[in-house]
């Protein structure tokens, strides 16, 4: 920078970083990709978004799958809240709390499916993480 030029302040979270953990990079990449797939055209313009996700790691093929995610929701406008006719949006909650709540919903849905069809031979849906016990 030359003399007299001012540089905009860069907050810590916005700085370029070099990771020391390839697995953490994979988790972050998969989490962000899932967030972008699900948010559609809705975007938080000029507002920071906190993203929390819970993933499962399949050691057999080294794959990662997002089970649940949540974003900090203080940025939701009244318009977006009012358009939520199914009650799926929550305002003023931490991303981590929402990701946990979403995981519990996935687990309860799995338990319910197993109770209804304990020996179902059909392949597990992509969100399923529980499976019937072998020989049970």
Protein backbone atom coordinates (compact mmCIF):
# COMPACT_ATOMS: atom_id res chain seq x y z
CA UNK A 1 0.00 0.00 0.00
CA UNK A 2 1.18 3.43 -0.83
CA UNK A 3 1.35 6.36 1.50
CA UNK A 4 -2.03 7.88 2.28
CA UNK A 5 -3.97 4.77 1.25
CA UNK A 6 -6.18 3.33 3.91
CA UNK A 7 -6.86 -0.33 4.13
CA UNK A 8 -10.31 -1.52 5.20
CA UNK A 9 -10.33 -3.33 8.51
CA UNK A 10 -10.53 -7.10 8.15
CA UNK A 11 -12.09 -8.99 10.98
CA UNK A 12 -10.44 -12.14 12.19
CA UNK A 13 -13.12 -14.43 10.74
CA UNK A 14 -12.69 -12.91 7.28
CA UNK A 15 -8.93 -13.36 6.97
CA UNK A 16 -7.45 -15.90 4.61
CA UNK A 17 -6.32 -18.90 6.59
CA UNK A 18 -4.24 -21.97 6.00
CA UNK A 19 -5.67 -25.04 7.65
CA UNK A 20 -3.61 -27.58 9.50
CA UNK A 21 -6.27 -30.30 9.37
CA UNK A 22 -7.45 -31.77 6.06
CA UNK A 23 -10.38 -33.52 7.75
CA UNK A 24 -11.65 -30.22 9.20
CA UNK A 25 -11.41 -28.70 5.73
CA UNK A 26 -13.55 -31.55 4.34
CA UNK A 27 -16.13 -31.06 7.12
CA UNK A 28 -16.30 -27.33 6.42
CA UNK A 29 -16.51 -27.82 2.65
CA UNK A 30 -19.32 -30.39 2.91
CA UNK A 31 -21.21 -28.27 5.46
CA UNK A 32 -21.05 -25.13 3.34
CA UNK A 33 -22.03 -27.04 0.19
CA UNK A 34 -25.09 -28.50 1.94
CA UNK A 35 -26.04 -25.07 3.27
CA UNK A 36 -25.83 -23.58 -0.21
CA UNK A 37 -27.92 -26.43 -1.67
CA UNK A 38 -30.65 -25.92 0.92
CA UNK A 39 -30.84 -22.15 1.10
CA UNK A 40 -31.79 -21.81 -2.56
CA UNK A 41 -32.00 -18.24 -3.74
CA UNK A 42 -32.43 -16.83 -0.23
CA UNK A 43 -29.26 -14.99 0.83
CA UNK A 44 -28.23 -12.85 3.74
CA UNK A 45 -26.89 -9.82 1.92
CA UNK A 46 -24.14 -8.05 3.82
CA UNK A 47 -24.80 -9.97 7.01
CA UNK A 48 -22.57 -12.53 8.66
CA UNK A 49 -24.09 -15.97 8.99
CA UNK A 50 -23.00 -18.50 11.58
CA UNK A 51 -23.32 -22.07 10.34
CA UNK A 52 -23.22 -25.17 12.54
CA UNK A 53 -23.60 -28.69 11.24
CA UNK A 54 -23.48 -32.26 12.45
CA UNK A 55 -22.06 -34.81 10.06
CA UNK A 56 -21.52 -38.55 9.99
CA UNK A 57 -18.25 -40.03 8.74
CA UNK A 58 -18.48 -43.42 7.03
CA UNK A 59 -15.11 -45.07 7.54
CA UNK A 60 -15.86 -47.75 4.93
CA UNK A 61 -15.66 -45.27 2.04
CA UNK A 62 -14.32 -42.21 3.93
CA UNK A 63 -17.43 -40.22 3.00
CA UNK A 64 -19.04 -37.40 4.94
CA UNK A 65 -22.77 -36.69 5.08
CA UNK A 66 -24.48 -33.73 6.71
CA UNK A 67 -27.19 -34.96 9.06
CA UNK A 68 -28.32 -31.58 10.30
CA UNK A 69 -27.40 -27.94 10.11
CA UNK A 70 -28.49 -24.63 11.50
CA UNK A 71 -27.69 -21.00 10.92
CA UNK A 72 -27.85 -18.15 13.36
CA UNK A 73 -31.25 -16.64 12.76
CA UNK A 74 -31.21 -13.11 14.12
CA UNK A 75 -31.00 -11.95 10.54
CA UNK A 76 -34.41 -13.28 9.47
CA UNK A 77 -36.70 -10.46 8.52
CA UNK A 78 -40.31 -10.18 9.61
CA UNK A 79 -41.25 -10.85 5.97
CA UNK A 80 -39.42 -14.19 5.93
CA UNK A 81 -40.89 -15.19 9.28
CA UNK A 82 -44.41 -14.26 8.17
CA UNK A 83 -44.07 -16.31 4.97
CA UNK A 84 -43.22 -19.44 6.99
CA UNK A 85 -46.60 -21.19 6.95
CA UNK A 86 -45.20 -24.52 8.21
CA UNK A 87 -43.41 -23.17 11.28
CA UNK A 88 -39.94 -24.25 10.15
CA UNK A 89 -38.10 -20.98 10.76
CA UNK A 90 -36.92 -19.92 14.17
CA UNK A 91 -35.71 -16.44 15.01
CA UNK A 92 -33.07 -15.48 17.54
CA UNK A 93 -31.46 -18.84 18.17
CA UNK A 94 -27.84 -19.99 18.00
CA UNK A 95 -26.79 -22.08 15.01
CA UNK A 96 -25.50 -24.84 17.29
CA UNK A 97 -28.85 -25.12 19.08
CA UNK A 98 -30.71 -25.38 15.78
CA UNK A 99 -28.29 -28.01 14.42
CA UNK A 100 -28.78 -30.09 17.58
CA UNK A 101 -32.55 -29.76 17.38
CA UNK A 102 -32.46 -30.83 13.74
CA UNK A 103 -30.31 -33.87 14.63
CA UNK A 104 -32.81 -34.90 17.30
CA UNK A 105 -35.56 -34.67 14.69
CA UNK A 106 -33.57 -36.95 12.35
CA UNK A 107 -32.98 -39.46 15.16
CA UNK A 108 -36.62 -39.46 16.27
CA UNK A 109 -37.74 -39.93 12.66
CA UNK A 110 -35.36 -42.90 12.37
CA UNK A 111 -36.65 -44.46 15.60
CA UNK A 112 -40.24 -44.03 14.40
CA UNK A 113 -39.42 -45.61 11.04
CA UNK A 114 -37.74 -48.57 12.75
CA UNK A 115 -40.74 -49.05 15.03
CA UNK A 116 -43.11 -49.08 12.05
CA UNK A 117 -40.91 -51.31 9.85
CA UNK A 118 -38.34 -53.11 12.05
CA UNK A 119 -37.15 -55.52 9.35
CA UNK A 120 -37.58 -53.46 6.25
CA UNK A 121 -35.32 -54.72 3.49
CA UNK A 122 -35.61 -51.49 1.51
CA UNK A 123 -32.46 -49.36 1.27
CA UNK A 124 -32.15 -46.70 3.92
CA UNK A 125 -33.17 -43.19 2.85
CA UNK A 126 -30.29 -40.71 2.66
CA UNK A 127 -31.14 -39.15 6.02
CA UNK A 128 -31.36 -42.45 7.90
CA UNK A 129 -28.50 -43.23 10.27
CA UNK A 130 -30.09 -45.92 12.40
CA UNK A 131 -30.61 -49.42 11.06
CA UNK A 132 -32.29 -52.57 12.33
CA UNK A 133 -30.07 -54.77 14.50
CA UNK A 134 -28.55 -57.78 12.78
CA UNK A 135 -30.56 -60.93 13.48
CA UNK A 136 -33.09 -58.99 15.60
